[in-house]
C-alpha cells in the first residue's frame, strides 16, 4: 500500500505476475519507524524466492 492508495497491488498486477505486499505499522519512513518488521519482510521475500 502506498499512502492514500490502499489498492496499489491491483495496479502492479497489470505489469507483474507475482505481486504481494502488506501494510506495516508505520508512516512514511519504514526503515526508521518499523525496522524489525521491514527486515522480516525482506527475509521472507528472499527466502521465498531461493531455490530449494
PDB file of N, CA and C in Angstrom:
ATOM      1  N   UNK A   1       0.839  -1.181   0.000  1.00  0.00           N
ATOM      2  CA  UNK A   1       0.000   0.000   0.000  1.00  0.00           C
ATOM      3  C   UNK A   1       0.880   1.238   0.000  1.00  0.00           C
ATOM      4  N   UNK A   2       0.572   2.127  -0.825  1.00  0.00           N
ATOM      5  CA  UNK A   2       1.193   3.440  -0.786  1.00  0.00           C
ATOM      6  C   UNK A   2       0.230   4.382  -0.096  1.00  0.00           C
ATOM      7  N   UNK A   3       0.767   5.352   0.589  1.00  0.00           N
ATOM      8  CA  UNK A   3      -0.074   6.289   1.331  1.00  0.00           C
ATOM      9  C   UNK A   3      -1.184   6.849   0.443  1.00  0.00           C
ATOM     10  N   UNK A   4      -2.405   6.633   0.863  1.00  0.00           N
ATOM     11  CA  UNK A   4      -3.543   7.153   0.120  1.00  0.00           C
ATOM     12  C   UNK A   4      -4.022   6.268  -1.017  1.00  0.00           C
ATOM     13  N   UNK A   5      -3.339   5.158  -1.248  1.00  0.00           N
ATOM     14  CA  UNK A   5      -3.704   4.244  -2.329  1.00  0.00           C
ATOM     15  C   UNK A   5      -3.739   2.811  -1.788  1.00  0.00           C
ATOM     16  N   UNK A   6      -4.790   2.437  -1.062  1.00  0.00           N
ATOM     17  CA  UNK A   6      -4.828   1.133  -0.399  1.00  0.00           C
ATOM     18  C   UNK A   6      -4.858  -0.064  -1.342  1.00  0.00           C
ATOM     19  N   UNK A   7      -5.113   0.134  -2.621  1.00  0.00           N
ATOM     20  CA  UNK A   7      -5.165  -0.999  -3.546  1.00  0.00           C
ATOM     21  C   UNK A   7      -4.086  -0.894  -4.619  1.00  0.00           C
ATOM     22  N   UNK A   8      -2.910  -0.461  -4.225  1.00  0.00           N
ATOM     23  CA  UNK A   8      -1.795  -0.325  -5.159  1.00  0.00           C
ATOM     24  C   UNK A   8      -1.457  -1.647  -5.826  1.00  0.00           C
ATOM     25  N   UNK A   9      -1.622  -2.745  -5.097  1.00  0.00           N
ATOM     26  CA  UNK A   9      -1.302  -4.059  -5.664  1.00  0.00           C
ATOM     27  C   UNK A   9      -2.101  -4.343  -6.936  1.00  0.00           C
ATOM     28  N   UNK A  10      -3.291  -3.805  -7.046  1.00  0.00           N
ATOM     29  CA  UNK A  10      -4.090  -4.031  -8.253  1.00  0.00           C
ATOM     30  C   UNK A  10      -3.446  -3.365  -9.466  1.00  0.00           C
ATOM     31  N   UNK A  11      -2.811  -2.237  -9.248  1.00  0.00           N
ATOM     32  CA  UNK A  11      -2.105  -1.564 -10.341  1.00  0.00           C
ATOM     33  C   UNK A  11      -0.908  -2.398 -10.774  1.00  0.00           C
ATOM     34  N   UNK A  12      -0.142  -2.920  -9.811  1.00  0.00           N
ATOM     35  CA  UNK A  12       1.049  -3.714 -10.142  1.00  0.00           C
ATOM     36  C   UNK A  12       0.691  -5.006 -10.863  1.00  0.00           C
ATOM     37  N   UNK A  13      -0.477  -5.564 -10.592  1.00  0.00           N
ATOM     38  CA  UNK A  13      -0.896  -6.801 -11.274  1.00  0.00           C
ATOM     39  C   UNK A  13      -1.022  -6.602 -12.787  1.00  0.00           C
ATOM     40  N   UNK A  14      -1.133  -5.388 -13.234  1.00  0.00           N
ATOM     41  CA  UNK A  14      -1.210  -5.121 -14.676  1.00  0.00           C
ATOM     42  C   UNK A  14       0.117  -5.408 -15.377  1.00  0.00           C
ATOM     43  N   UNK A  15       1.230  -5.284 -14.653  1.00  0.00           N
ATOM     44  CA  UNK A  15       2.547  -5.419 -15.281  1.00  0.00           C
ATOM     45  C   UNK A  15       3.411  -6.528 -14.687  1.00  0.00           C
ATOM     46  N   UNK A  16       2.954  -7.186 -13.631  1.00  0.00           N
ATOM     47  CA  UNK A  16       3.747  -8.239 -12.996  1.00  0.00           C
ATOM     48  C   UNK A  16       2.850  -9.408 -12.618  1.00  0.00           C
ATOM     49  N   UNK A  17       3.384 -10.605 -12.724  1.00  0.00           N
ATOM     50  CA  UNK A  17       2.592 -11.794 -12.412  1.00  0.00           C
ATOM     51  C   UNK A  17       2.599 -12.138 -10.928  1.00  0.00           C
ATOM     52  N   UNK A  18       3.702 -11.889 -10.246  1.00  0.00           N
ATOM     53  CA  UNK A  18       3.840 -12.281  -8.841  1.00  0.00           C
ATOM     54  C   UNK A  18       3.918 -11.026  -7.978  1.00  0.00           C
ATOM     55  N   UNK A  19       2.789 -10.610  -7.443  1.00  0.00           N
ATOM     56  CA  UNK A  19       2.720  -9.389  -6.647  1.00  0.00           C
ATOM     57  C   UNK A  19       2.205  -9.740  -5.258  1.00  0.00           C
ATOM     58  N   UNK A  20       2.895  -9.244  -4.255  1.00  0.00           N
ATOM     59  CA  UNK A  20       2.430  -9.444  -2.885  1.00  0.00           C
ATOM     60  C   UNK A  20       2.800  -8.222  -2.061  1.00  0.00           C
ATOM     61  N   UNK A  21       2.218  -8.115  -0.899  1.00  0.00           N
ATOM     62  CA  UNK A  21       2.534  -6.999  -0.024  1.00  0.00           C
ATOM     63  C   UNK A  21       1.630  -6.982   1.180  1.00  0.00           C
ATOM     64  N   UNK A  22       1.961  -6.118   2.111  1.00  0.00           N
ATOM     65  CA  UNK A  22       1.123  -5.938   3.291  1.00  0.00           C
ATOM     66  C   UNK A  22       1.449  -4.595   3.914  1.00  0.00           C
ATOM     67  N   UNK A  23       0.574  -4.126   4.750  1.00  0.00           N
ATOM     68  CA  UNK A  23       0.784  -2.857   5.443  1.00  0.00           C
ATOM     69  C   UNK A  23       1.652  -3.087   6.669  1.00  0.00           C
ATOM     70  N   UNK A  24       2.548  -2.163   6.932  1.00  0.00           N
ATOM     71  CA  UNK A  24       3.374  -2.209   8.130  1.00  0.00           C
ATOM     72  C   UNK A  24       2.933  -1.095   9.071  1.00  0.00           C
ATOM     73  N   UNK A  25       3.097  -1.313  10.367  1.00  0.00           N
ATOM     74  CA  UNK A  25       2.625  -0.332  11.352  1.00  0.00           C
ATOM     75  C   UNK A  25       3.561   0.873  11.460  1.00  0.00           C
ATOM     76  N   UNK A  26       3.532   1.725  10.448  1.00  0.00           N
ATOM     77  CA  UNK A  26       4.436   2.872  10.461  1.00  0.00           C
ATOM     78  C   UNK A  26       3.939   3.939   9.498  1.00  0.00           C
ATOM     79  N   UNK A  27       4.715   4.987   9.405  1.00  0.00           N
ATOM     80  CA  UNK A  27       4.402   6.079   8.491  1.00  0.00           C
ATOM     81  C   UNK A  27       5.203   5.970   7.212  1.00  0.00           C
ATOM     82  N   UNK A  28       5.787   7.081   6.803  1.00  0.00           N
ATOM     83  CA  UNK A  28       6.460   7.147   5.508  1.00  0.00           C
ATOM     84  C   UNK A  28       7.856   6.546   5.478  1.00  0.00           C
ATOM     85  N   UNK A  29       8.593   6.582   6.585  1.00  0.00           N
ATOM     86  CA  UNK A  29       9.975   6.109   6.560  1.00  0.00           C
ATOM     87  C   UNK A  29      10.073   4.767   7.279  1.00  0.00           C
ATOM     88  N   UNK A  30       9.816   3.713   6.560  1.00  0.00           N
ATOM     89  CA  UNK A  30       9.717   2.365   7.118  1.00  0.00           C
ATOM     90  C   UNK A  30      10.985   1.932   7.849  1.00  0.00           C
ATOM     91  N   UNK A  31      12.200   2.108   7.290  1.00  0.00           N
ATOM     92  CA  UNK A  31      13.393   1.635   7.994  1.00  0.00           C
ATOM     93  C   UNK A  31      13.574   2.250   9.385  1.00  0.00           C
ATOM     94  N   UNK A  32      13.122   3.449   9.567  1.00  0.00           N
ATOM     95  CA  UNK A  32      13.266   4.107  10.864  1.00  0.00           C
ATOM     96  C   UNK A  32      12.122   3.766  11.807  1.00  0.00           C
ATOM     97  N   UNK A  33      10.921   3.667  11.288  1.00  0.00           N
ATOM     98  CA  UNK A  33       9.740   3.519  12.122  1.00  0.00           C
ATOM     99  C   UNK A  33       9.369   2.072  12.427  1.00  0.00           C
ATOM    100  N   UNK A  34       9.727   1.145  11.558  1.00  0.00           N
ATOM    101  CA  UNK A  34       9.405  -0.275  11.776  1.00  0.00           C
ATOM    102  C   UNK A  34      10.541  -1.150  11.240  1.00  0.00           C
ATOM    103  N   UNK A  35      11.757  -0.978  11.771  1.00  0.00           N
ATOM    104  CA  UNK A  35      12.905  -1.697  11.203  1.00  0.00           C
ATOM    105  C   UNK A  35      12.794  -3.215  11.304  1.00  0.00           C
ATOM    106  N   UNK A  36      12.307  -3.727  12.426  1.00  0.00           N
ATOM    107  CA  UNK A  36      12.214  -5.181  12.582  1.00  0.00           C
ATOM    108  C   UNK A  36      11.186  -5.772  11.622  1.00  0.00           C
ATOM    109  N   UNK A  37      10.055  -5.137  11.494  1.00  0.00           N
ATOM    110  CA  UNK A  37       9.029  -5.618  10.564  1.00  0.00           C
ATOM    111  C   UNK A  37       9.545  -5.587   9.129  1.00  0.00           C
ATOM    112  N   UNK A  38      10.298  -4.556   8.777  1.00  0.00           N
ATOM    113  CA  UNK A  38      10.865  -4.456   7.435  1.00  0.00           C
ATOM    114  C   UNK A  38      11.861  -5.584   7.186  1.00  0.00           C
ATOM    115  N   UNK A  39      12.748  -5.845   8.140  1.00  0.00           N
ATOM    116  CA  UNK A  39      13.715  -6.934   7.985  1.00  0.00           C
ATOM    117  C   UNK A  39      13.026  -8.283   7.835  1.00  0.00           C
ATOM    118  N   UNK A  40      11.970  -8.506   8.593  1.00  0.00           N
ATOM    119  CA  UNK A  40      11.223  -9.765   8.483  1.00  0.00           C
ATOM    120  C   UNK A  40      10.619  -9.911   7.091  1.00  0.00           C
ATOM    121  N   UNK A  41      10.090  -8.834   6.548  1.00  0.00           N
ATOM    122  CA  UNK A  41       9.512  -8.883   5.204  1.00  0.00           C
ATOM    123  C   UNK A  41      10.585  -9.127   4.145  1.00  0.00           C
ATOM    124  N   UNK A  42      11.728  -8.487   4.281  1.00  0.00           N
ATOM    125  CA  UNK A  42      12.820  -8.685   3.324  1.00  0.00           C
ATOM    126  C   UNK A  42      13.325 -10.121   3.386  1.00  0.00           C
ATOM    127  N   UNK A  43      13.532 -10.639   4.601  1.00  0.00           N
ATOM    128  CA  UNK A  43      13.971 -12.031   4.755  1.00  0.00           C
ATOM    129  C   UNK A  43      12.972 -12.996   4.132  1.00  0.00           C
ATOM    130  N   UNK A  44      11.694 -12.790   4.392  1.00  0.00           N
ATOM    131  CA  UNK A  44      10.664 -13.667   3.833  1.00  0.00           C
ATOM    132  C   UNK A  44      10.650 -13.583   2.308  1.00  0.00           C
ATOM    133  N   UNK A  45      10.846 -12.406   1.766  1.00  0.00           N
ATOM    134  CA  UNK A  45      10.866 -12.215   0.313  1.00  0.00           C
ATOM    135  C   UNK A  45      11.977 -13.031  -0.322  1.00  0.00           C
ATOM    136  N   UNK A  46      13.190 -12.927   0.209  1.00  0.00           N
ATOM    137  CA  UNK A  46      14.313 -13.639  -0.390  1.00  0.00           C
ATOM    138  C   UNK A  46      14.279 -15.132  -0.097  1.00  0.00           C
ATOM    139  N   UNK A  47      13.802 -15.542   1.076  1.00  0.00           N
ATOM    140  CA  UNK A  47      13.664 -16.973   1.368  1.00  0.00           C
ATOM    141  C   UNK A  47      12.665 -17.620   0.429  1.00  0.00           C
ATOM    142  N   UNK A  48      11.581 -16.927   0.122  1.00  0.00           N
ATOM    143  CA  UNK A  48      10.534 -17.450  -0.749  1.00  0.00           C
ATOM    144  C   UNK A  48      11.059 -17.688  -2.161  1.00  0.00           C
ATOM    145  N   UNK A  49      11.970 -16.861  -2.616  1.00  0.00           N
ATOM    146  CA  UNK A  49      12.439 -16.917  -3.988  1.00  0.00           C
ATOM    147  C   UNK A  49      13.710 -17.734  -4.194  1.00  0.00           C
ATOM    148  N   UNK A  50      14.313 -18.234  -3.134  1.00  0.00           N
ATOM    149  CA  UNK A  50      15.504 -19.067  -3.281  1.00  0.00           C
ATOM    150  C   UNK A  50      15.099 -20.484  -3.647  1.00  0.00           C
ATOM    151  N   UNK A  51      15.833 -21.102  -4.568  1.00  0.00           N
ATOM    152  CA  UNK A  51      15.519 -22.494  -4.911  1.00  0.00           C
ATOM    153  C   UNK A  51      15.773 -23.418  -3.734  1.00  0.00           C
ATOM    154  N   UNK A  52      14.955 -24.443  -3.637  1.00  0.00           N
ATOM    155  CA  UNK A  52      15.080 -25.401  -2.523  1.00  0.00           C
ATOM    156  C   UNK A  52      16.265 -26.317  -2.717  1.00  0.00           C
TER     157      UNK A  52
END
